[in-house]
Amino acid sequence: MAAPTDSTATVADLKARVLAFVRERDWEQFHNPKNLSMALAAETGELMEHFLWATPEQSVALAADPAKRAKIADELADVVVYALEFANMTGLDVAAAIDRKMAANALKYPVDKARGRSNKYDEL
């Protein structure tokens, strides 16, 4: 069986795979919103560490460097796995949450005001 890719796996598939992994190890007992949010923050920090002190241009080069790309991908995977497990343990629907947030962001950042700008919504 071929490994899943972004174009073949659904969020539900990924959540189920993470949940099965956790249950096989009896880790649900440790997975609560506090612990999972802290683990997610720690893994995000590990991802960020790859780019520490790099300029924006250097960060693009680092992400493209084959020698570093696999390690960066591993950290990204850790972040996403913890986010999916957080969703599993809290019963949050990731796709629905993203849809709601994108709709709210569209109102806060209308294209005619936000296009090409990095200002926060209250500074547009």
C-alpha atoms as a PDB file:
ATOM      1  CA  MET A   1       0.000   0.000   0.000  1.00  0.00           C
ATOM      2  CA  ALA A   2       1.333   3.425  -0.954  1.00  0.00           C
ATOM      3  CA  ALA A   3       2.076   5.929   1.777  1.00  0.00           C
ATOM      4  CA  PRO A   4      -0.629   8.566   2.150  1.00  0.00           C
ATOM      5  CA  THR A   5      -0.072  12.040   0.724  1.00  0.00           C
ATOM      6  CA  ASP A   6      -1.884  15.337   1.117  1.00  0.00           C
ATOM      7  CA  SER A   7      -3.862  14.540  -2.014  1.00  0.00           C
ATOM      8  CA  THR A   8      -4.928  11.057  -0.868  1.00  0.00           C
ATOM      9  CA  ALA A   9      -5.451  11.294   2.910  1.00  0.00           C
ATOM     10  CA  THR A  10      -8.400  12.979   4.587  1.00  0.00           C
ATOM     11  CA  VAL A  11      -8.331  14.719   7.950  1.00  0.00           C
ATOM     12  CA  ALA A  12     -10.521  11.883   9.239  1.00  0.00           C
ATOM     13  CA  ASP A  13      -7.957   9.339   8.014  1.00  0.00           C
ATOM     14  CA  LEU A  14      -5.149  11.156   9.788  1.00  0.00           C
ATOM     15  CA  LYS A  15      -7.136  11.561  13.006  1.00  0.00           C
ATOM     16  CA  ALA A  16      -7.993   7.851  12.989  1.00  0.00           C
ATOM     17  CA  ARG A  17      -4.381   6.872  12.399  1.00  0.00           C
ATOM     18  CA  VAL A  18      -3.181   9.084  15.273  1.00  0.00           C
ATOM     19  CA  LEU A  19      -5.905   7.766  17.576  1.00  0.00           C
ATOM     20  CA  ALA A  20      -5.051   4.135  16.761  1.00  0.00           C
ATOM     21  CA  PHE A  21      -1.372   4.818  17.496  1.00  0.00           C
ATOM     22  CA  VAL A  22      -2.258   6.414  20.843  1.00  0.00           C
ATOM     23  CA  ARG A  23      -4.665   3.644  21.843  1.00  0.00           C
ATOM     24  CA  GLU A  24      -2.181   0.880  21.001  1.00  0.00           C
ATOM     25  CA  ARG A  25       0.151   2.433  23.554  1.00  0.00           C
ATOM     26  CA  ASP A  26      -2.520   3.251  26.174  1.00  0.00           C
ATOM     27  CA  TRP A  27      -1.545   6.929  26.063  1.00  0.00           C
ATOM     28  CA  GLU A  28      -5.062   8.363  26.201  1.00  0.00           C
ATOM     29  CA  GLN A  29      -4.706   8.477  29.975  1.00  0.00           C
ATOM     30  CA  PHE A  30      -2.044  11.182  29.524  1.00  0.00           C
ATOM     31  CA  HIS A  31      -3.801  13.113  26.777  1.00  0.00           C
ATOM     32  CA  ASN A  32      -5.847  15.981  28.111  1.00  0.00           C
ATOM     33  CA  PRO A  33      -6.157  19.517  26.754  1.00  0.00           C
ATOM     34  CA  LYS A  34      -3.464  20.875  29.090  1.00  0.00           C
ATOM     35  CA  ASN A  35      -0.857  18.244  28.281  1.00  0.00           C
ATOM     36  CA  LEU A  36      -1.581  18.147  24.569  1.00  0.00           C
ATOM     37  CA  SER A  37      -1.526  21.935  24.192  1.00  0.00           C
ATOM     38  CA  MET A  38       1.801  22.042  26.024  1.00  0.00           C
ATOM     39  CA  ALA A  39       3.228  19.243  23.869  1.00  0.00           C
ATOM     40  CA  LEU A  40       2.015  21.091  20.781  1.00  0.00           C
ATOM     41  CA  ALA A  41       3.775  24.271  21.934  1.00  0.00           C
ATOM     42  CA  ALA A  42       6.985  22.336  22.647  1.00  0.00           C
ATOM     43  CA  GLU A  43       6.976  20.721  19.206  1.00  0.00           C
ATOM     44  CA  THR A  44       6.263  24.078  17.583  1.00  0.00           C
ATOM     45  CA  GLY A  45       9.335  25.402  19.375  1.00  0.00           C
ATOM     46  CA  GLU A  46      11.396  22.531  17.976  1.00  0.00           C
ATOM     47  CA  LEU A  47      10.194  23.406  14.479  1.00  0.00           C
ATOM     48  CA  MET A  48      11.062  27.047  15.039  1.00  0.00           C
ATOM     49  CA  GLU A  49      14.527  26.117  16.275  1.00  0.00           C
ATOM     50  CA  HIS A  50      15.537  25.097  12.745  1.00  0.00           C
ATOM     51  CA  PHE A  51      15.095  28.727  11.659  1.00  0.00           C
ATOM     52  CA  LEU A  52      16.433  30.502  14.736  1.00  0.00           C
ATOM     53  CA  TRP A  53      18.659  33.434  13.825  1.00  0.00           C
ATOM     54  CA  ALA A  54      18.079  32.927  10.099  1.00  0.00           C
ATOM     55  CA  THR A  55      16.981  35.795   7.897  1.00  0.00           C
ATOM     56  CA  PRO A  56      13.713  35.313   6.012  1.00  0.00           C
ATOM     57  CA  GLU A  57      15.737  34.494   2.894  1.00  0.00           C
ATOM     58  CA  GLN A  58      17.911  32.005   4.779  1.00  0.00           C
ATOM     59  CA  SER A  59      14.807  30.348   6.221  1.00  0.00           C
ATOM     60  CA  VAL A  60      13.511  29.689   2.697  1.00  0.00           C
ATOM     61  CA  ALA A  61      16.859  28.135   1.772  1.00  0.00           C
ATOM     62  CA  LEU A  62      16.891  26.022   4.934  1.00  0.00           C
ATOM     63  CA  ALA A  63      13.431  24.641   4.190  1.00  0.00           C
ATOM     64  CA  ALA A  64      14.587  23.687   0.686  1.00  0.00           C
ATOM     65  CA  ASP A  65      17.899  22.133   1.770  1.00  0.00           C
ATOM     66  CA  PRO A  66      17.589  18.347   1.303  1.00  0.00           C
ATOM     67  CA  ALA A  67      19.874  17.724   4.291  1.00  0.00           C
ATOM     68  CA  LYS A  68      17.619  19.718   6.630  1.00  0.00           C
ATOM     69  CA  ARG A  69      14.244  19.165   4.969  1.00  0.00           C
ATOM     70  CA  ALA A  70      13.646  15.715   6.493  1.00  0.00           C
ATOM     71  CA  LYS A  71      14.303  16.999  10.024  1.00  0.00           C
ATOM     72  CA  ILE A  72      12.030  19.982   9.431  1.00  0.00           C
ATOM     73  CA  ALA A  73       9.343  17.636   8.063  1.00  0.00           C
ATOM     74  CA  ASP A  74       9.651  15.472  11.202  1.00  0.00           C
ATOM     75  CA  GLU A  75       9.044  18.487  13.425  1.00  0.00           C
ATOM     76  CA  LEU A  76       6.099  19.602  11.313  1.00  0.00           C
ATOM     77  CA  ALA A  77       4.674  16.083  11.586  1.00  0.00           C
ATOM     78  CA  ASP A  78       5.011  16.222  15.388  1.00  0.00           C
ATOM     79  CA  VAL A  79       3.104  19.524  15.445  1.00  0.00           C
ATOM     80  CA  VAL A  80       0.305  18.186  13.245  1.00  0.00           C
ATOM     81  CA  VAL A  81       0.075  14.875  15.136  1.00  0.00           C
ATOM     82  CA  TYR A  82      -0.344  16.679  18.452  1.00  0.00           C
ATOM     83  CA  ALA A  83      -2.901  19.040  16.906  1.00  0.00           C
ATOM     84  CA  LEU A  84      -4.881  16.080  15.545  1.00  0.00           C
ATOM     85  CA  GLU A  85      -4.687  14.275  18.886  1.00  0.00           C
ATOM     86  CA  PHE A  86      -5.886  17.456  20.601  1.00  0.00           C
ATOM     87  CA  ALA A  87      -8.853  17.429  18.237  1.00  0.00           C
ATOM     88  CA  ASN A  88      -9.452  13.738  18.965  1.00  0.00           C
ATOM     89  CA  MET A  89      -9.411  14.180  22.745  1.00  0.00           C
ATOM     90  CA  THR A  90     -11.579  17.300  22.749  1.00  0.00           C
ATOM     91  CA  GLY A  91     -14.012  16.167  20.073  1.00  0.00           C
ATOM     92  CA  LEU A  92     -13.227  19.170  17.878  1.00  0.00           C
ATOM     93  CA  ASP A  93     -13.914  18.903  14.167  1.00  0.00           C
ATOM     94  CA  VAL A  94     -10.753  20.236  12.494  1.00  0.00           C
ATOM     95  CA  ALA A  95     -12.313  20.922   9.089  1.00  0.00           C
ATOM     96  CA  ALA A  96     -15.285  22.722  10.642  1.00  0.00           C
ATOM     97  CA  ALA A  97     -12.992  24.762  12.906  1.00  0.00           C
ATOM     98  CA  ILE A  98     -10.830  25.774   9.936  1.00  0.00           C
ATOM     99  CA  ASP A  99     -13.917  26.703   7.911  1.00  0.00           C
ATOM    100  CA  ARG A 100     -15.273  28.896  10.720  1.00  0.00           C
ATOM    101  CA  LYS A 101     -11.882  30.536  11.282  1.00  0.00           C
ATOM    102  CA  MET A 102     -11.322  31.219   7.579  1.00  0.00           C
ATOM    103  CA  ALA A 103     -14.785  32.829   7.357  1.00  0.00           C
ATOM    104  CA  ALA A 104     -14.006  35.013  10.383  1.00  0.00           C
ATOM    105  CA  ASN A 105     -10.595  35.915   8.946  1.00  0.00           C
ATOM    106  CA  ALA A 106     -12.180  36.860   5.625  1.00  0.00           C
ATOM    107  CA  LEU A 107     -14.299  39.423   7.482  1.00  0.00           C
ATOM    108  CA  LYS A 108     -11.341  40.712   9.507  1.00  0.00           C
ATOM    109  CA  TYR A 109      -9.011  40.826   6.498  1.00  0.00           C
ATOM    110  CA  PRO A 110     -11.024  41.901   3.443  1.00  0.00           C
ATOM    111  CA  VAL A 111      -9.044  41.472   0.225  1.00  0.00           C
ATOM    112  CA  ASP A 112      -9.332  45.118  -0.771  1.00  0.00           C
ATOM    113  CA  LYS A 113      -7.680  46.214   2.509  1.00  0.00           C
ATOM    114  CA  ALA A 114      -5.354  43.305   3.312  1.00  0.00           C
ATOM    115  CA  ARG A 115      -3.928  42.261  -0.055  1.00  0.00           C
ATOM    116  CA  GLY A 116      -0.136  42.532   0.049  1.00  0.00           C
ATOM    117  CA  ARG A 117      -0.105  43.892   3.610  1.00  0.00           C
ATOM    118  CA  SER A 118       0.975  42.230   6.850  1.00  0.00           C
ATOM    119  CA  ASN A 119      -0.840  44.615   9.184  1.00  0.00           C
ATOM    120  CA  LYS A 120      -3.107  43.260  11.885  1.00  0.00           C
ATOM    121  CA  TYR A 121      -6.816  43.599  11.102  1.00  0.00           C
ATOM    122  CA  ASP A 122      -7.285  46.591  13.414  1.00  0.00           C
ATOM    123  CA  GLU A 123      -4.502  48.477  11.603  1.00  0.00           C
ATOM    124  CA  LEU A 124      -5.791  48.069   8.034  1.00  0.00           C
END
